[in-house]
C-alpha atoms as a PDB file:
ATOM      1  CA  UNK A   1     109.752  97.197 121.020  1.00  0.00           C
ATOM      2  CA  UNK A   2     110.145  97.997 117.350  1.00  0.00           C
ATOM      3  CA  UNK A   3     109.497 101.150 115.346  1.00  0.00           C
ATOM      4  CA  UNK A   4     108.259 100.505 111.821  1.00  0.00           C
ATOM      5  CA  UNK A   5     106.110 101.907 109.037  1.00  0.00           C
ATOM      6  CA  UNK A   6     102.784 100.126 108.574  1.00  0.00           C
ATOM      7  CA  UNK A   7     100.304 100.340 105.721  1.00  0.00           C
ATOM      8  CA  UNK A   8      96.626 100.824 106.451  1.00  0.00           C
ATOM      9  CA  UNK A   9      94.618  98.007 104.873  1.00  0.00           C
ATOM     10  CA  UNK A  10      91.250  98.824 106.433  1.00  0.00           C
ATOM     11  CA  UNK A  11      89.771 101.639 108.513  1.00  0.00           C
ATOM     12  CA  UNK A  12      86.019 101.298 109.013  1.00  0.00           C
ATOM     13  CA  UNK A  13      83.390 102.288 111.564  1.00  0.00           C
ATOM     14  CA  UNK A  14      82.043  99.215 113.391  1.00  0.00           C
ATOM     15  CA  UNK A  15      79.879 100.955 116.019  1.00  0.00           C
ATOM     16  CA  UNK A  16      79.005 104.482 117.090  1.00  0.00           C
ATOM     17  CA  UNK A  17      82.252 106.519 117.065  1.00  0.00           C
ATOM     18  CA  UNK A  18      84.241 103.277 117.035  1.00  0.00           C
ATOM     19  CA  UNK A  19      86.706 102.395 114.282  1.00  0.00           C
ATOM     20  CA  UNK A  20      88.503  99.199 113.290  1.00  0.00           C
ATOM     21  CA  UNK A  21      91.900  99.637 111.630  1.00  0.00           C
ATOM     22  CA  UNK A  22      93.986  96.842 110.123  1.00  0.00           C
ATOM     23  CA  UNK A  23      97.703  97.533 109.603  1.00  0.00           C
ATOM     24  CA  UNK A  24     100.123  95.502 107.495  1.00  0.00           C
ATOM     25  CA  UNK A  25     103.754  95.182 108.506  1.00  0.00           C
ATOM     26  CA  UNK A  26     106.243  93.433 110.760  1.00  0.00           C
ATOM     27  CA  UNK A  27     104.374  91.926 113.722  1.00  0.00           C
ATOM     28  CA  UNK A  28     107.244  89.893 115.177  1.00  0.00           C
ATOM     29  CA  UNK A  29     107.387  91.983 118.367  1.00  0.00           C
ATOM     30  CA  UNK A  30     103.791  91.124 119.257  1.00  0.00           C
ATOM     31  CA  UNK A  31     104.230  88.313 121.765  1.00  0.00           C
ATOM     32  CA  UNK A  32     101.167  88.291 124.051  1.00  0.00           C
ATOM     33  CA  UNK A  33      97.528  89.435 124.159  1.00  0.00           C
ATOM     34  CA  UNK A  34      97.165  92.715 126.006  1.00  0.00           C
ATOM     35  CA  UNK A  35     100.138  94.536 124.495  1.00  0.00           C
ATOM     36  CA  UNK A  36      99.669  97.883 122.771  1.00  0.00           C
ATOM     37  CA  UNK A  37     101.023 100.026 119.948  1.00  0.00           C
ATOM     38  CA  UNK A  38     101.929 103.725 119.988  1.00  0.00           C
ATOM     39  CA  UNK A  39     101.048 105.629 116.827  1.00  0.00           C
ATOM     40  CA  UNK A  40     102.674 108.827 115.583  1.00  0.00           C
ATOM     41  CA  UNK A  41     100.313 111.293 113.940  1.00  0.00           C
ATOM     42  CA  UNK A  42     101.393 114.318 111.911  1.00  0.00           C
ATOM     43  CA  UNK A  43     100.639 117.543 113.764  1.00  0.00           C
ATOM     44  CA  UNK A  44     100.414 115.937 117.198  1.00  0.00           C
ATOM     45  CA  UNK A  45     103.252 115.960 119.728  1.00  0.00           C
ATOM     46  CA  UNK A  46     102.447 112.744 121.614  1.00  0.00           C
ATOM     47  CA  UNK A  47     101.873 109.349 120.073  1.00  0.00           C
ATOM     48  CA  UNK A  48      98.506 107.617 120.608  1.00  0.00           C
ATOM     49  CA  UNK A  49      98.660 104.363 122.614  1.00  0.00           C
ATOM     50  CA  UNK A  50      96.060 101.822 121.467  1.00  0.00           C
ATOM     51  CA  UNK A  51      95.585  98.212 122.561  1.00  0.00           C
ATOM     52  CA  UNK A  52      96.089  95.447 120.038  1.00  0.00           C
ATOM     53  CA  UNK A  53      92.846  93.616 119.338  1.00  0.00           C
ATOM     54  CA  UNK A  54      94.318  90.853 117.192  1.00  0.00           C
ATOM     55  CA  UNK A  55      97.431  90.052 115.189  1.00  0.00           C
ATOM     56  CA  UNK A  56      98.915  87.431 112.914  1.00  0.00           C
ATOM     57  CA  UNK A  57     102.194  87.086 111.015  1.00  0.00           C
ATOM     58  CA  UNK A  58     101.330  89.929 108.637  1.00  0.00           C
ATOM     59  CA  UNK A  59      98.739  92.249 110.193  1.00  0.00           C
ATOM     60  CA  UNK A  60      97.665  93.994 113.389  1.00  0.00           C
ATOM     61  CA  UNK A  61      94.063  94.908 114.166  1.00  0.00           C
ATOM     62  CA  UNK A  62      93.294  97.798 116.482  1.00  0.00           C
ATOM     63  CA  UNK A  63      89.918  99.219 117.540  1.00  0.00           C
ATOM     64  CA  UNK A  64      89.702 102.793 118.770  1.00  0.00           C
ATOM     65  CA  UNK A  65      87.022 105.249 119.828  1.00  0.00           C
ATOM     66  CA  UNK A  66      86.914 108.684 118.186  1.00  0.00           C
ATOM     67  CA  UNK A  67      87.116 111.030 121.173  1.00  0.00           C
ATOM     68  CA  UNK A  68      89.506 113.855 120.246  1.00  0.00           C
ATOM     69  CA  UNK A  69      91.645 115.454 117.591  1.00  0.00           C
ATOM     70  CA  UNK A  70      94.110 112.587 117.279  1.00  0.00           C
ATOM     71  CA  UNK A  71      91.558 109.841 116.850  1.00  0.00           C
ATOM     72  CA  UNK A  72      89.500 112.087 114.569  1.00  0.00           C
ATOM     73  CA  UNK A  73      92.570 112.372 112.329  1.00  0.00           C
ATOM     74  CA  UNK A  74      92.986 108.598 112.407  1.00  0.00           C
ATOM     75  CA  UNK A  75      89.344 108.050 111.491  1.00  0.00           C
ATOM     76  CA  UNK A  76      89.819 110.073 108.305  1.00  0.00           C
ATOM     77  CA  UNK A  77      92.729 107.941 107.080  1.00  0.00           C
ATOM     78  CA  UNK A  78      92.233 105.620 104.135  1.00  0.00           C
ATOM     79  CA  UNK A  79      93.720 102.313 102.924  1.00  0.00           C
ATOM     80  CA  UNK A  80      97.160 102.781 101.399  1.00  0.00           C
ATOM     81  CA  UNK A  81      98.264 105.471 103.834  1.00  0.00           C
ATOM     82  CA  UNK A  82     101.191 104.703 106.120  1.00  0.00           C
ATOM     83  CA  UNK A  83     101.690 105.129 109.866  1.00  0.00           C
ATOM     84  CA  UNK A  84     104.809 105.310 112.032  1.00  0.00           C
ATOM     85  CA  UNK A  85     104.137 102.801 114.818  1.00  0.00           C
ATOM     86  CA  UNK A  86     105.959 101.575 117.914  1.00  0.00           C
ATOM     87  CA  UNK A  87     104.878  97.967 118.298  1.00  0.00           C
ATOM     88  CA  UNK A  88     105.142  95.290 120.967  1.00  0.00           C
ATOM     89  CA  UNK A  89     104.827  97.679 123.907  1.00  0.00           C
ATOM     90  CA  UNK A  90     104.009  96.607 127.449  1.00  0.00           C
ATOM     91  CA  UNK A  91     103.492  93.182 128.914  1.00  0.00           C
ATOM     92  CA  UNK A  92     100.402  91.149 128.179  1.00  0.00           C
ATOM     93  CA  UNK A  93      98.150  88.728 130.009  1.00  0.00           C
ATOM     94  CA  UNK A  94      99.584  85.538 131.473  1.00  0.00           C
ATOM     95  CA  UNK A  95      97.181  82.899 130.172  1.00  0.00           C
ATOM     96  CA  UNK A  96      98.857  80.113 132.180  1.00  0.00           C
ATOM     97  CA  UNK A  97      96.978  81.358 135.270  1.00  0.00           C
ATOM     98  CA  UNK A  98      93.418  81.547 133.955  1.00  0.00           C
ATOM     99  CA  UNK A  99      92.279  77.973 134.546  1.00  0.00           C
ATOM    100  CA  UNK A 100      89.513  76.151 132.716  1.00  0.00           C
ATOM    101  CA  UNK A 101      86.683  78.671 133.139  1.00  0.00           C
ATOM    102  CA  UNK A 102      87.969  82.249 132.992  1.00  0.00           C
ATOM    103  CA  UNK A 103      85.785  85.304 132.660  1.00  0.00           C
ATOM    104  CA  UNK A 104      87.023  88.170 130.482  1.00  0.00           C
ATOM    105  CA  UNK A 105      85.544  91.601 131.177  1.00  0.00           C
ATOM    106  CA  UNK A 106      85.824  94.496 128.744  1.00  0.00           C
ATOM    107  CA  UNK A 107      84.358  97.952 129.137  1.00  0.00           C
ATOM    108  CA  UNK A 108      84.042 100.102 125.987  1.00  0.00           C
ATOM    109  CA  UNK A 109      87.459 100.408 124.349  1.00  0.00           C
ATOM    110  CA  UNK A 110      88.641  97.836 126.892  1.00  0.00           C
ATOM    111  CA  UNK A 111      86.847  95.202 124.815  1.00  0.00           C
ATOM    112  CA  UNK A 112      89.422  94.837 121.967  1.00  0.00           C
ATOM    113  CA  UNK A 113      92.275  93.262 123.978  1.00  0.00           C
ATOM    114  CA  UNK A 114      89.757  90.782 125.409  1.00  0.00           C
ATOM    115  CA  UNK A 115      89.290  89.407 121.898  1.00  0.00           C
ATOM    116  CA  UNK A 116      92.979  88.642 121.418  1.00  0.00           C
ATOM    117  CA  UNK A 117      93.071  87.175 124.919  1.00  0.00           C
ATOM    118  CA  UNK A 118      90.059  84.952 124.278  1.00  0.00           C
ATOM    119  CA  UNK A 119      91.608  83.756 121.050  1.00  0.00           C
ATOM    120  CA  UNK A 120      94.881  82.875 122.786  1.00  0.00           C
ATOM    121  CA  UNK A 121      93.117  81.032 125.603  1.00  0.00           C
ATOM    122  CA  UNK A 122      91.005  79.021 123.173  1.00  0.00           C
ATOM    123  CA  UNK A 123      94.065  78.120 121.119  1.00  0.00           C
ATOM    124  CA  UNK A 124      95.988  76.995 124.201  1.00  0.00           C
ATOM    125  CA  UNK A 125      93.030  75.109 125.695  1.00  0.00           C
ATOM    126  CA  UNK A 126      90.195  74.396 123.254  1.00  0.00           C
ATOM    127  CA  UNK A 127      88.164  72.837 126.083  1.00  0.00           C
ATOM    128  CA  UNK A 128      88.254  75.970 128.237  1.00  0.00           C
ATOM    129  CA  UNK A 129      84.903  77.559 129.038  1.00  0.00           C
ATOM    130  CA  UNK A 130      85.596  81.205 128.247  1.00  0.00           C
ATOM    131  CA  UNK A 131      82.938  83.619 129.466  1.00  0.00           C
ATOM    132  CA  UNK A 132      83.018  87.192 128.190  1.00  0.00           C
ATOM    133  CA  UNK A 133      81.260  90.240 129.620  1.00  0.00           C
ATOM    134  CA  UNK A 134      81.074  93.265 127.321  1.00  0.00           C
ATOM    135  CA  UNK A 135      80.023  96.577 128.833  1.00  0.00           C
ATOM    136  CA  UNK A 136      78.696  99.536 126.842  1.00  0.00           C
ATOM    137  CA  UNK A 137      76.475 102.569 127.330  1.00  0.00           C
ATOM    138  CA  UNK A 138      73.922 101.634 124.661  1.00  0.00           C
ATOM    139  CA  UNK A 139      73.141  99.157 121.881  1.00  0.00           C
ATOM    140  CA  UNK A 140      74.607 101.345 119.123  1.00  0.00           C
ATOM    141  CA  UNK A 141      78.025 101.151 120.806  1.00  0.00           C
ATOM    142  CA  UNK A 142      78.192  97.346 120.917  1.00  0.00           C
ATOM    143  CA  UNK A 143      80.850  95.664 118.793  1.00  0.00           C
ATOM    144  CA  UNK A 144      82.560  92.273 118.421  1.00  0.00           C
ATOM    145  CA  UNK A 145      79.881  90.259 120.229  1.00  0.00           C
ATOM    146  CA  UNK A 146      79.530  87.923 117.248  1.00  0.00           C
ATOM    147  CA  UNK A 147      83.304  87.621 116.851  1.00  0.00           C
ATOM    148  CA  UNK A 148      83.592  86.378 120.444  1.00  0.00           C
ATOM    149  CA  UNK A 149      80.798  83.879 119.827  1.00  0.00           C
ATOM    150  CA  UNK A 150      82.631  82.608 116.745  1.00  0.00           C
ATOM    151  CA  UNK A 151      85.608  81.813 118.994  1.00  0.00           C
ATOM    152  CA  UNK A 152      83.298  79.645 121.095  1.00  0.00           C
ATOM    153  CA  UNK A 153      82.923  82.065 123.997  1.00  0.00           C
ATOM    154  CA  UNK A 154      79.835  82.504 126.136  1.00  0.00           C
ATOM    155  CA  UNK A 155      78.991  86.184 125.639  1.00  0.00           C
ATOM    156  CA  UNK A 156      77.141  88.467 128.058  1.00  0.00           C
ATOM    157  CA  UNK A 157      76.368  92.121 127.263  1.00  0.00           C
ATOM    158  CA  UNK A 158      75.582  94.860 129.762  1.00  0.00           C
ATOM    159  CA  UNK A 159      74.374  98.304 128.730  1.00  0.00           C
ATOM    160  CA  UNK A 160      73.858 101.254 131.033  1.00  0.00           C
ATOM    161  CA  UNK A 161      70.533 102.140 129.389  1.00  0.00           C
ATOM    162  CA  UNK A 162      69.302  98.554 129.073  1.00  0.00           C
ATOM    163  CA  UNK A 163      68.895  98.760 125.295  1.00  0.00           C
ATOM    164  CA  UNK A 164      70.533  95.341 124.886  1.00  0.00           C
ATOM    165  CA  UNK A 165      71.526  92.616 127.309  1.00  0.00           C
ATOM    166  CA  UNK A 166      71.490  93.232 131.049  1.00  0.00           C
ATOM    167  CA  UNK A 167      70.589  96.742 132.161  1.00  0.00           C
ATOM    168  CA  UNK A 168      73.437  98.047 134.269  1.00  0.00           C
ATOM    169  CA  UNK A 169      77.150  97.429 134.446  1.00  0.00           C
ATOM    170  CA  UNK A 170      79.529  94.520 133.918  1.00  0.00           C
ATOM    171  CA  UNK A 171      79.412  93.788 137.646  1.00  0.00           C
ATOM    172  CA  UNK A 172      75.667  93.138 137.400  1.00  0.00           C
ATOM    173  CA  UNK A 173      76.571  90.171 135.211  1.00  0.00           C
ATOM    174  CA  UNK A 174      79.761  89.160 137.003  1.00  0.00           C
ATOM    175  CA  UNK A 175      78.059  88.724 140.386  1.00  0.00           C
ATOM    176  CA  UNK A 176      75.961  85.857 138.985  1.00  0.00           C
ATOM    177  CA  UNK A 177      78.753  83.910 137.265  1.00  0.00           C
ATOM    178  CA  UNK A 178      81.074  81.153 138.434  1.00  0.00           C
ATOM    179  CA  UNK A 179      84.610  81.339 137.088  1.00  0.00           C
ATOM    180  CA  UNK A 180      88.181  80.201 137.723  1.00  0.00           C
ATOM    181  CA  UNK A 181      89.905  83.551 137.149  1.00  0.00           C
ATOM    182  CA  UNK A 182      89.190  86.971 135.699  1.00  0.00           C
ATOM    183  CA  UNK A 183      90.951  89.259 133.233  1.00  0.00           C
ATOM    184  CA  UNK A 184      89.733  92.747 132.487  1.00  0.00           C
ATOM    185  CA  UNK A 185      90.428  95.989 130.657  1.00  0.00           C
ATOM    186  CA  UNK A 186      88.512  99.232 130.985  1.00  0.00           C
ATOM    187  CA  UNK A 187      88.161 102.426 133.016  1.00  0.00           C
ATOM    188  CA  UNK A 188      89.267 102.721 136.639  1.00  0.00           C
ATOM    189  CA  UNK A 189      85.734 103.033 138.129  1.00  0.00           C
ATOM    190  CA  UNK A 190      84.872  99.698 136.509  1.00  0.00           C
ATOM    191  CA  UNK A 191      88.006  98.143 138.018  1.00  0.00           C
ATOM    192  CA  UNK A 192      87.098  99.324 141.503  1.00  0.00           C
ATOM    193  CA  UNK A 193      83.597  97.885 141.133  1.00  0.00           C
ATOM    194  CA  UNK A 194      85.033  94.556 139.977  1.00  0.00           C
ATOM    195  CA  UNK A 195      87.540  94.545 142.822  1.00  0.00           C
ATOM    196  CA  UNK A 196      84.692  94.852 145.310  1.00  0.00           C
ATOM    197  CA  UNK A 197      82.935  91.665 144.177  1.00  0.00           C
ATOM    198  CA  UNK A 198      85.491  89.477 142.337  1.00  0.00           C
ATOM    199  CA  UNK A 199      85.672  85.934 143.725  1.00  0.00           C
ATOM    200  CA  UNK A 200      89.096  84.913 142.404  1.00  0.00           C
ATOM    201  CA  UNK A 201      92.524  86.157 141.492  1.00  0.00           C
ATOM    202  CA  UNK A 202      92.779  88.129 138.283  1.00  0.00           C
ATOM    203  CA  UNK A 203      94.641  90.515 136.020  1.00  0.00           C
ATOM    204  CA  UNK A 204      93.810  94.160 135.289  1.00  0.00           C
ATOM    205  CA  UNK A 205      94.949  95.958 132.141  1.00  0.00           C
ATOM    206  CA  UNK A 206      95.035  99.677 132.899  1.00  0.00           C
ATOM    207  CA  UNK A 207      94.040 102.462 130.534  1.00  0.00           C
ATOM    208  CA  UNK A 208      96.355 105.382 131.216  1.00  0.00           C
ATOM    209  CA  UNK A 209      97.492 108.592 129.537  1.00  0.00           C
ATOM    210  CA  UNK A 210     101.098 108.134 128.456  1.00  0.00           C
ATOM    211  CA  UNK A 211     104.011 110.297 127.412  1.00  0.00           C
ATOM    212  CA  UNK A 212     106.671 108.090 125.853  1.00  0.00           C
ATOM    213  CA  UNK A 213     104.938 104.706 126.027  1.00  0.00           C
ATOM    214  CA  UNK A 214     108.085 102.726 126.854  1.00  0.00           C
ATOM    215  CA  UNK A 215     109.017 103.631 130.413  1.00  0.00           C
ATOM    216  CA  UNK A 216     111.326 106.611 130.063  1.00  0.00           C
ATOM    217  CA  UNK A 217     109.173 109.497 131.287  1.00  0.00           C
ATOM    218  CA  UNK A 218     107.565 107.906 134.400  1.00  0.00           C
ATOM    219  CA  UNK A 219     104.313 109.680 133.541  1.00  0.00           C
ATOM    220  CA  UNK A 220     101.992 106.691 134.015  1.00  0.00           C
ATOM    221  CA  UNK A 221     102.955 105.158 137.345  1.00  0.00           C
ATOM    222  CA  UNK A 222     100.713 102.966 139.479  1.00  0.00           C
ATOM    223  CA  UNK A 223     101.182 102.183 143.173  1.00  0.00           C
ATOM    224  CA  UNK A 224     101.767  98.499 143.925  1.00  0.00           C
ATOM    225  CA  UNK A 225     102.926  96.460 146.910  1.00  0.00           C
ATOM    226  CA  UNK A 226     106.302  96.274 145.183  1.00  0.00           C
ATOM    227  CA  UNK A 227     106.680 100.010 144.627  1.00  0.00           C
ATOM    228  CA  UNK A 228     105.550 102.214 141.756  1.00  0.00           C
ATOM    229  CA  UNK A 229     105.180 100.442 138.425  1.00  0.00           C
ATOM    230  CA  UNK A 230     104.977 102.088 135.021  1.00  0.00           C
ATOM    231  CA  UNK A 231     101.767 101.186 133.204  1.00  0.00           C
ATOM    232  CA  UNK A 232     103.457 101.405 129.814  1.00  0.00           C
ATOM    233  CA  UNK A 233     106.532  99.332 130.686  1.00  0.00           C
ATOM    234  CA  UNK A 234     105.710  97.153 133.713  1.00  0.00           C
ATOM    235  CA  UNK A 235     102.026  96.991 132.707  1.00  0.00           C
ATOM    236  CA  UNK A 236      99.551  97.608 131.304  1.00  0.00           C
ATOM    237  CA  UNK A 237      98.615  94.243 132.838  1.00  0.00           C
ATOM    238  CA  UNK A 238      99.032  93.959 136.625  1.00  0.00           C
ATOM    239  CA  UNK A 239      97.910  91.188 138.946  1.00  0.00           C
ATOM    240  CA  UNK A 240      95.106  91.775 141.418  1.00  0.00           C
ATOM    241  CA  UNK A 241      97.184  90.925 144.479  1.00  0.00           C
ATOM    242  CA  UNK A 242      99.874  93.538 143.796  1.00  0.00           C
ATOM    243  CA  UNK A 243      97.704  96.613 143.202  1.00  0.00           C
ATOM    244  CA  UNK A 244      97.226  99.275 145.867  1.00  0.00           C
ATOM    245  CA  UNK A 245      93.855 100.921 145.221  1.00  0.00           C
END
């Protein structure tokens, strides 16, 4: 974990109430897809934890949904402004377990870490057949479908209202696919639906309200077969077999 000041290079709306922000600074503590950052905002007591979508040696890309005062403040920020950020938080996905035909499942703001994961899998195994399921409420909320296709992924979209892709939920797509492993990020109800039909082992990245973001406050614990684990420190990625639902 590292605390640093990052400069905003880009902050643009890419879908309904959904923003893409690119930050420039030291990214050396980013070591795996699925990690997150914790952003300090003036006037707000708690930092905002947000998954990393993508990173390179100089920049970090995050995608966030505008849902409250903190993210509204972020959405109004402009290039050149600076942010106090804790970076390299949490553990990420273990791509050594995914096999040759993984399926990556993202629901809403759970989509961004799937992009970094897909990129890492494709880099490690260019021959891998990476299937991606993106779940949204409606067509105007869809983002990054083309970016996944550019990586060489097979992309499936599910929308609750049927305005694009399959009408329904990510599980309505998942039940018809063959895959070697699954990785997912999204809301808990989606996880429970996946758990009911998933055919293989997998990894879940939990979305959870956090206090400190680095394991000190114990405010984001999850029950596992090995005792309580902190989503921010021991997660956010946990393996299917260890989770007690």
